[in-house]
Amino acid sequence: MSETIVITGATGSLAIEAIQQILTSYPSVNIIGTVRDSKASPKSPHLLRLEEIISQYPNNISIKNVDLNSINEVREFADEIAGLVESKKIPPIRAIICNAFTWSLNGQKFSSDRLESTFQVNHLAHFLLTLKLVRSMNREIGRIILLGSEVHDPEIVNPLSKLGAQLPGDDNLDSLIKPGPDKTGSEHDMGWRRYANSKLANVMFMRSLNERLSKALEFSKITVTAMDPGGLVGSRAHDAQRTINRLLFRLFAILLPIINLFTDKLRSNANSAKDLVALALDQEFDSKRGYFNGRTVQSPARASEDDEKCEALWKACWQWTGMKDDETCVSL
């Protein structure tokens, strides 16, 4: 094995397709995927498909149980992978693909750490994982891929929600992880806001991490990108949507070939996975940084380019995850 790839949320709709494509096109890779519980019963169709892929490539992929709702589990996983790289039991990491996500459209959910789950899983866990693994990466061609979304931009109207991204003021950032209760009747739209805020935080993290890595000569060739995968019509995440929206996405899946003649905002899991794999591994994207819609460079939300807000969020996440200077090569 010559390269290691770490991907979170390995049973996700996008991840399954990406893993299949990577193993087909890059036979020298060693994929380490995380799942919440590989021994869940009954097994989901996605877990069964992942197990089928593993049976085809038993020497190229391994699965680790990591609950991103637990800061301790993420820290232990990162330490384990770093130890394997340091001891040369696995090659340095070529790519970290921060794919896992969750949302709560029917009311608030909290992690085992008693933090708001959407923000912890989508952003905070990946903040910690990435910073702890940077020094374990291939320092010539290492890439970090974060998942964004069109809804990270507060200026773009979301037809599925009345509320969009809106980060609290710097003196109230704690409300991202310990929010007050949703007002009755606002649970759905507040769920969308929580999701949008987590994606905005990812894009801001991309900006802040690129800036810090570029100043650290030893790690300056490691790149960070954030990718909008588009609206995945086949994502099982739509199971959490309102009934009318679930039905609409099922219809969109049937009509997708026609829809794509007019817009690429809606995409199949397989096509979006091709973009994700390209950003993570293709030579075409060597040394590329920034925000991408699929494989196309795109300007991120203006809200993500607020230097003071980016710095405040970075410091808050550092504190929330209990990061210590000796855990990472990246400065506070």
Protein backbone atom coordinates (compact mmCIF):
# COMPACT_ATOMS: atom_id res chain seq x y z
CA MET A 1 0.00 0.00 0.00
CA SER A 2 1.46 3.39 -0.95
CA GLU A 3 -1.23 5.83 0.18
CA THR A 4 -3.70 6.16 3.04
CA ILE A 5 -7.09 7.81 2.72
CA VAL A 6 -9.25 8.60 5.75
CA ILE A 7 -12.96 9.12 5.12
CA THR A 8 -15.62 9.74 7.75
CA GLY A 9 -19.21 8.59 7.44
CA ALA A 10 -18.24 5.62 5.27
CA THR A 11 -21.83 4.33 5.01
CA GLY A 12 -23.12 7.67 3.73
CA SER A 13 -24.72 7.87 0.29
CA LEU A 14 -21.86 9.94 -1.13
CA ALA A 15 -19.10 8.06 0.69
CA ILE A 16 -20.21 4.63 -0.53
CA GLU A 17 -19.92 5.77 -4.14
CA ALA A 18 -16.62 7.53 -3.52
CA ILE A 19 -15.09 4.49 -1.82
CA GLN A 20 -16.15 2.23 -4.70
CA GLN A 21 -14.65 4.62 -7.25
CA ILE A 22 -11.39 5.06 -5.32
CA LEU A 23 -10.82 1.33 -4.95
CA THR A 24 -11.57 0.79 -8.63
CA SER A 25 -9.31 3.57 -9.92
CA TYR A 26 -6.54 3.68 -7.30
CA PRO A 27 -5.49 0.08 -6.52
CA SER A 28 -2.58 1.13 -4.28
CA VAL A 29 -4.66 2.96 -1.67
CA ASN A 30 -5.44 1.96 1.87
CA ILE A 31 -8.82 3.38 2.91
CA ILE A 32 -9.69 3.80 6.57
CA GLY A 33 -13.38 4.60 6.89
CA THR A 34 -15.30 5.52 10.00
CA VAL A 35 -18.81 4.39 10.83
CA ARG A 36 -20.85 4.97 13.94
CA ASP A 37 -21.57 1.29 14.60
CA SER A 38 -20.51 -1.52 12.27
CA LYS A 39 -22.28 -4.07 14.46
CA ALA A 40 -25.69 -2.36 14.33
CA SER A 41 -28.62 -4.73 14.09
CA PRO A 42 -30.42 -4.93 11.82
CA LYS A 43 -27.77 -3.81 9.36
CA SER A 44 -28.74 -0.94 7.08
CA PRO A 45 -28.63 -1.42 3.29
CA HIS A 46 -25.71 1.02 3.19
CA LEU A 47 -23.72 -0.97 5.75
CA LEU A 48 -24.43 -4.17 3.83
CA ARG A 49 -23.20 -2.56 0.61
CA LEU A 50 -20.06 -1.33 2.37
CA GLU A 51 -19.41 -4.85 3.64
CA GLU A 52 -19.81 -6.14 0.08
CA ILE A 53 -17.19 -3.65 -1.13
CA ILE A 54 -14.86 -4.69 1.69
CA SER A 55 -15.24 -8.34 0.64
CA GLN A 56 -14.07 -7.38 -2.86
CA TYR A 57 -11.07 -5.37 -1.60
CA PRO A 58 -10.22 -6.90 1.80
CA ASN A 59 -6.62 -5.68 1.73
CA ASN A 60 -7.45 -2.11 0.75
CA ILE A 61 -10.09 -0.96 3.20
CA SER A 62 -10.72 -1.19 6.92
CA ILE A 63 -13.56 0.19 8.99
CA LYS A 64 -13.33 1.79 12.43
CA ASN A 65 -16.20 2.46 14.80
CA VAL A 66 -16.02 6.15 15.69
CA ASP A 67 -18.96 8.10 17.05
CA LEU A 68 -18.42 11.70 15.96
CA ASN A 69 -20.84 12.67 18.71
CA SER A 70 -17.99 11.92 21.12
CA ILE A 71 -14.94 14.18 21.23
CA ASN A 72 -13.05 11.48 23.14
CA GLU A 73 -13.72 8.86 20.45
CA VAL A 74 -12.55 11.22 17.70
CA ARG A 75 -9.40 12.03 19.66
CA GLU A 76 -8.65 8.35 20.30
CA PHE A 77 -9.19 7.50 16.63
CA ALA A 78 -6.88 10.30 15.49
CA ASP A 79 -4.21 9.18 17.96
CA GLU A 80 -4.53 5.59 16.70
CA ILE A 81 -4.10 6.59 13.05
CA ALA A 82 -1.21 8.93 13.87
CA GLY A 83 0.49 6.10 15.74
CA LEU A 84 0.10 3.73 12.79
CA VAL A 85 1.66 6.30 10.45
CA GLU A 86 4.50 7.08 12.86
CA SER A 87 5.31 3.39 13.28
CA LYS A 88 5.17 2.96 9.47
CA LYS A 89 2.44 0.35 9.73
CA ILE A 90 0.44 2.40 7.23
CA PRO A 91 1.64 5.00 4.69
CA PRO A 92 1.27 8.74 5.33
CA ILE A 93 -2.21 10.10 4.70
CA ARG A 94 -2.80 11.24 1.11
CA ALA A 95 -6.29 12.62 1.78
CA ILE A 96 -8.68 13.25 4.66
CA ILE A 97 -12.25 13.36 3.37
CA CYS A 98 -14.53 14.90 5.99
CA ASN A 99 -17.75 13.46 4.65
CA ALA A 100 -19.89 12.55 7.68
CA PHE A 101 -22.84 14.73 8.54
CA THR A 102 -26.12 14.75 10.38
CA TRP A 103 -29.05 17.11 10.82
CA SER A 104 -32.09 17.42 13.04
CA LEU A 105 -35.16 18.75 11.26
CA ASN A 106 -37.65 17.58 13.87
CA GLY A 107 -36.21 19.19 16.98
CA GLN A 108 -32.86 19.54 18.66
CA LYS A 109 -30.52 16.61 19.23
CA PHE A 110 -27.52 16.58 21.53
CA SER A 111 -24.36 14.51 21.56
CA SER A 112 -23.00 12.36 24.36
CA ASP A 113 -20.89 15.43 25.17
CA ARG A 114 -24.14 17.37 25.62
CA LEU A 115 -23.34 19.57 22.63
CA GLU A 116 -25.67 20.32 19.73
CA SER A 117 -25.23 17.29 17.50
CA THR A 118 -25.39 18.88 14.03
CA PHE A 119 -22.53 21.26 14.76
CA GLN A 120 -20.47 18.66 16.59
CA VAL A 121 -20.70 15.95 13.92
CA ASN A 122 -20.56 18.18 10.85
CA HIS A 123 -17.85 20.56 12.00
CA LEU A 124 -16.35 20.18 15.45
CA ALA A 125 -15.38 16.51 15.11
CA HIS A 126 -13.72 17.19 11.76
CA PHE A 127 -11.93 20.25 13.16
CA LEU A 128 -10.36 18.04 15.82
CA LEU A 129 -9.66 15.07 13.54
CA THR A 130 -8.01 17.18 10.87
CA LEU A 131 -5.78 19.20 13.17
CA LYS A 132 -4.56 16.09 14.94
CA LEU A 133 -3.76 14.29 11.67
CA VAL A 134 -2.03 17.06 9.71
CA ARG A 135 1.44 15.97 10.81
CA SER A 136 0.60 12.41 9.68
CA MET A 137 -0.12 13.53 6.12
CA ASN A 138 1.95 13.27 2.96
CA ARG A 139 3.63 16.66 3.09
CA GLU A 140 4.09 16.91 -0.67
CA ILE A 141 0.59 16.07 -1.95
CA GLY A 142 -1.67 15.80 1.11
CA ARG A 143 -5.23 17.08 0.71
CA ILE A 144 -8.01 17.83 3.18
CA ILE A 145 -11.53 17.83 1.74
CA LEU A 146 -14.40 19.40 3.67
CA LEU A 147 -18.02 19.22 2.59
CA GLY A 148 -19.80 22.49 2.01
CA SER A 149 -23.26 23.24 0.66
CA GLU A 150 -25.01 26.01 -1.19
CA VAL A 151 -26.89 26.74 2.03
CA HIS A 152 -23.65 27.89 3.71
CA ASP A 153 -24.28 31.23 1.99
CA PRO A 154 -26.75 33.40 3.94
CA GLU A 155 -27.43 35.42 0.79
CA ILE A 156 -28.82 32.46 -1.17
CA VAL A 157 -32.47 31.68 -0.53
CA ASN A 158 -33.15 28.09 0.51
CA PRO A 159 -36.53 27.03 -0.96
CA LEU A 160 -36.86 24.33 1.71
CA SER A 161 -36.52 26.60 4.74
CA LYS A 162 -37.40 30.10 5.88
CA LEU A 163 -34.14 30.29 7.83
CA GLY A 164 -30.61 30.21 6.47
CA ALA A 165 -27.11 30.38 7.87
CA GLN A 166 -26.62 32.98 10.58
CA LEU A 167 -23.73 32.67 12.98
CA PRO A 168 -24.17 34.29 16.39
CA GLY A 169 -22.02 37.22 17.47
CA ASP A 170 -18.51 36.57 18.72
CA ASP A 171 -19.65 37.00 22.32
CA ASN A 172 -22.35 34.35 21.86
CA LEU A 173 -20.62 31.64 19.80
CA ASP A 174 -21.33 29.15 22.58
CA SER A 175 -24.93 29.09 21.35
CA LEU A 176 -23.70 27.02 18.39
CA ILE A 177 -23.01 24.10 20.71
CA LYS A 178 -25.41 24.92 23.56
CA PRO A 179 -28.42 26.61 21.95
CA GLY A 180 -31.58 27.64 23.68
CA PRO A 181 -34.74 25.63 22.89
CA ASP A 182 -36.40 26.02 19.50
CA LYS A 183 -39.63 27.97 19.49
CA THR A 184 -42.65 25.74 18.96
CA GLY A 185 -43.30 25.42 15.24
CA SER A 186 -39.79 26.52 14.24
CA GLU A 187 -38.08 23.14 14.68
CA HIS A 188 -37.81 22.33 10.97
CA ASP A 189 -36.41 25.67 9.88
CA MET A 190 -34.09 25.89 12.90
CA GLY A 191 -32.80 22.46 11.92
CA TRP A 192 -31.95 23.82 8.51
CA ARG A 193 -30.20 26.80 10.12
CA ARG A 194 -28.11 24.51 12.30
CA TYR A 195 -27.11 22.51 9.22
CA ALA A 196 -26.33 25.66 7.22
CA ASN A 197 -24.25 27.09 10.07
CA SER A 198 -22.20 23.89 10.27
CA LYS A 199 -21.46 24.13 6.55
CA LEU A 200 -20.55 27.81 6.85
CA ALA A 201 -18.20 26.86 9.69
CA ASN A 202 -16.57 24.25 7.41
CA VAL A 203 -15.90 26.85 4.73
CA MET A 204 -14.48 29.25 7.30
CA PHE A 205 -12.27 26.46 8.65
CA MET A 206 -11.01 25.82 5.12
CA ARG A 207 -9.96 29.45 4.86
CA SER A 208 -8.31 29.58 8.29
CA LEU A 209 -6.48 26.27 7.90
CA ASN A 210 -5.17 27.11 4.43
CA GLU A 211 -3.81 30.38 5.80
CA ARG A 212 -2.01 28.65 8.65
CA LEU A 213 -0.64 25.80 6.55
CA SER A 214 0.71 28.17 3.92
CA LYS A 215 2.81 29.87 6.62
CA ALA A 216 4.19 26.58 7.98
CA LEU A 217 6.94 25.72 5.49
CA GLU A 218 7.04 22.04 6.40
CA PHE A 219 3.31 21.67 5.72
CA SER A 220 2.74 24.42 3.14
CA LYS A 221 2.06 21.97 0.29
CA ILE A 222 -0.89 20.39 2.10
CA THR A 223 -4.08 21.85 0.65
CA VAL A 224 -7.60 22.33 1.97
CA THR A 225 -10.70 22.49 -0.21
CA ALA A 226 -14.40 22.61 0.55
CA MET A 227 -16.78 21.09 -1.99
CA ASP A 228 -20.47 21.68 -2.57
CA PRO A 229 -21.68 18.24 -3.71
CA GLY A 230 -24.96 19.66 -4.99
CA GLY A 231 -28.40 18.43 -4.09
CA LEU A 232 -28.02 14.65 -3.96
CA VAL A 233 -31.38 13.32 -5.08
CA GLY A 234 -30.51 9.79 -3.94
CA SER A 235 -29.30 10.66 -0.45
CA ARG A 236 -30.89 8.75 2.40
CA ALA A 237 -30.65 11.98 4.42
CA HIS A 238 -33.90 12.99 2.74
CA ASP A 239 -35.66 10.47 4.96
CA ALA A 240 -35.57 13.17 7.64
CA GLN A 241 -37.29 15.74 5.42
CA ARG A 242 -40.94 16.68 5.43
CA THR A 243 -43.16 14.27 3.52
CA ILE A 244 -43.69 16.62 0.58
CA ASN A 245 -39.94 17.17 0.25
CA ARG A 246 -39.21 13.44 0.37
CA LEU A 247 -41.70 12.88 -2.43
CA LEU A 248 -40.21 15.72 -4.46
CA PHE A 249 -36.70 14.28 -4.23
CA ARG A 250 -37.96 10.87 -5.30
CA LEU A 251 -39.51 12.54 -8.34
CA PHE A 252 -36.29 14.49 -8.97
CA ALA A 253 -34.34 11.21 -8.95
CA ILE A 254 -36.56 9.84 -11.71
CA LEU A 255 -36.38 13.03 -13.76
CA LEU A 256 -32.69 13.77 -13.10
CA PRO A 257 -31.45 13.19 -16.69
CA ILE A 258 -33.94 15.80 -17.91
CA ILE A 259 -33.31 18.17 -15.00
CA ASN A 260 -29.57 18.10 -15.68
CA LEU A 261 -30.15 19.44 -19.17
CA PHE A 262 -31.05 22.73 -17.48
CA THR A 263 -29.18 22.77 -14.16
CA ASP A 264 -26.52 20.82 -12.27
CA LYS A 265 -27.75 21.85 -8.83
CA LEU A 266 -29.31 18.41 -8.44
CA ARG A 267 -26.94 15.45 -8.86
CA SER A 268 -26.72 11.72 -8.50
CA ASN A 269 -24.60 10.24 -5.73
CA ALA A 270 -22.28 8.65 -8.30
CA ASN A 271 -21.65 11.85 -10.25
CA SER A 272 -20.99 13.89 -7.14
CA ALA A 273 -18.67 11.17 -5.88
CA LYS A 274 -16.62 11.52 -9.08
CA ASP A 275 -16.10 15.18 -8.22
CA LEU A 276 -15.16 14.35 -4.64
CA VAL A 277 -12.65 11.70 -5.69
CA ALA A 278 -11.14 14.06 -8.27
CA LEU A 279 -10.64 16.82 -5.70
CA ALA A 280 -9.10 14.34 -3.29
CA LEU A 281 -6.78 12.45 -5.64
CA ASP A 282 -6.58 13.59 -9.27
CA GLN A 283 -3.39 15.31 -10.46
CA GLU A 284 -5.56 18.00 -12.03
CA PHE A 285 -6.12 19.40 -8.54
CA ASP A 286 -2.54 19.29 -7.27
CA SER A 287 -1.88 22.41 -5.15
CA LYS A 288 -5.49 23.61 -5.60
CA ARG A 289 -7.15 25.27 -2.61
CA GLY A 290 -10.45 26.97 -1.98
CA TYR A 291 -14.15 26.42 -2.53
CA PHE A 292 -15.51 24.22 -5.32
CA ASN A 293 -18.95 23.47 -6.67
CA GLY A 294 -18.25 19.96 -7.85
CA ARG A 295 -14.96 20.42 -9.70
CA THR A 296 -15.59 24.07 -10.57
CA VAL A 297 -13.94 26.83 -8.57
CA GLN A 298 -16.57 29.05 -6.97
CA SER A 299 -16.48 32.07 -4.70
CA PRO A 300 -17.64 31.14 -1.20
CA ALA A 301 -20.13 33.17 0.79
CA ARG A 302 -18.98 36.65 1.73
CA ALA A 303 -19.82 35.70 5.30
CA SER A 304 -17.04 33.09 5.21
CA GLU A 305 -14.41 35.72 4.39
CA ASP A 306 -14.82 37.75 7.58
CA ASP A 307 -11.32 37.45 9.06
CA GLU A 308 -12.35 38.41 12.58
CA LYS A 309 -15.24 35.94 12.60
CA CYS A 310 -13.03 33.17 11.19
CA GLU A 311 -10.48 33.78 13.92
CA ALA A 312 -13.11 33.88 16.65
CA LEU A 313 -14.65 30.62 15.44
CA TRP A 314 -11.24 28.94 15.20
CA LYS A 315 -10.41 29.86 18.80
CA ALA A 316 -13.84 28.75 20.00
CA CYS A 317 -13.54 25.34 18.30
CA TRP A 318 -10.04 24.95 19.71
CA GLN A 319 -11.47 25.50 23.18
CA TRP A 320 -14.57 23.31 22.66
CA THR A 321 -12.48 20.35 21.50
CA GLY A 322 -9.92 20.78 24.28
CA MET A 323 -7.09 21.07 21.76
CA LYS A 324 -3.57 21.40 23.14
CA ASP A 325 -0.57 22.84 21.33
CA ASP A 326 1.29 19.52 21.38
CA GLU A 327 -1.60 17.70 19.66
CA THR A 328 -1.14 19.45 16.33
CA CYS A 329 1.45 21.14 14.16
CA VAL A 330 -1.01 23.95 13.43
CA SER A 331 -0.95 27.00 15.66
CA LEU A 332 -3.87 28.39 17.62
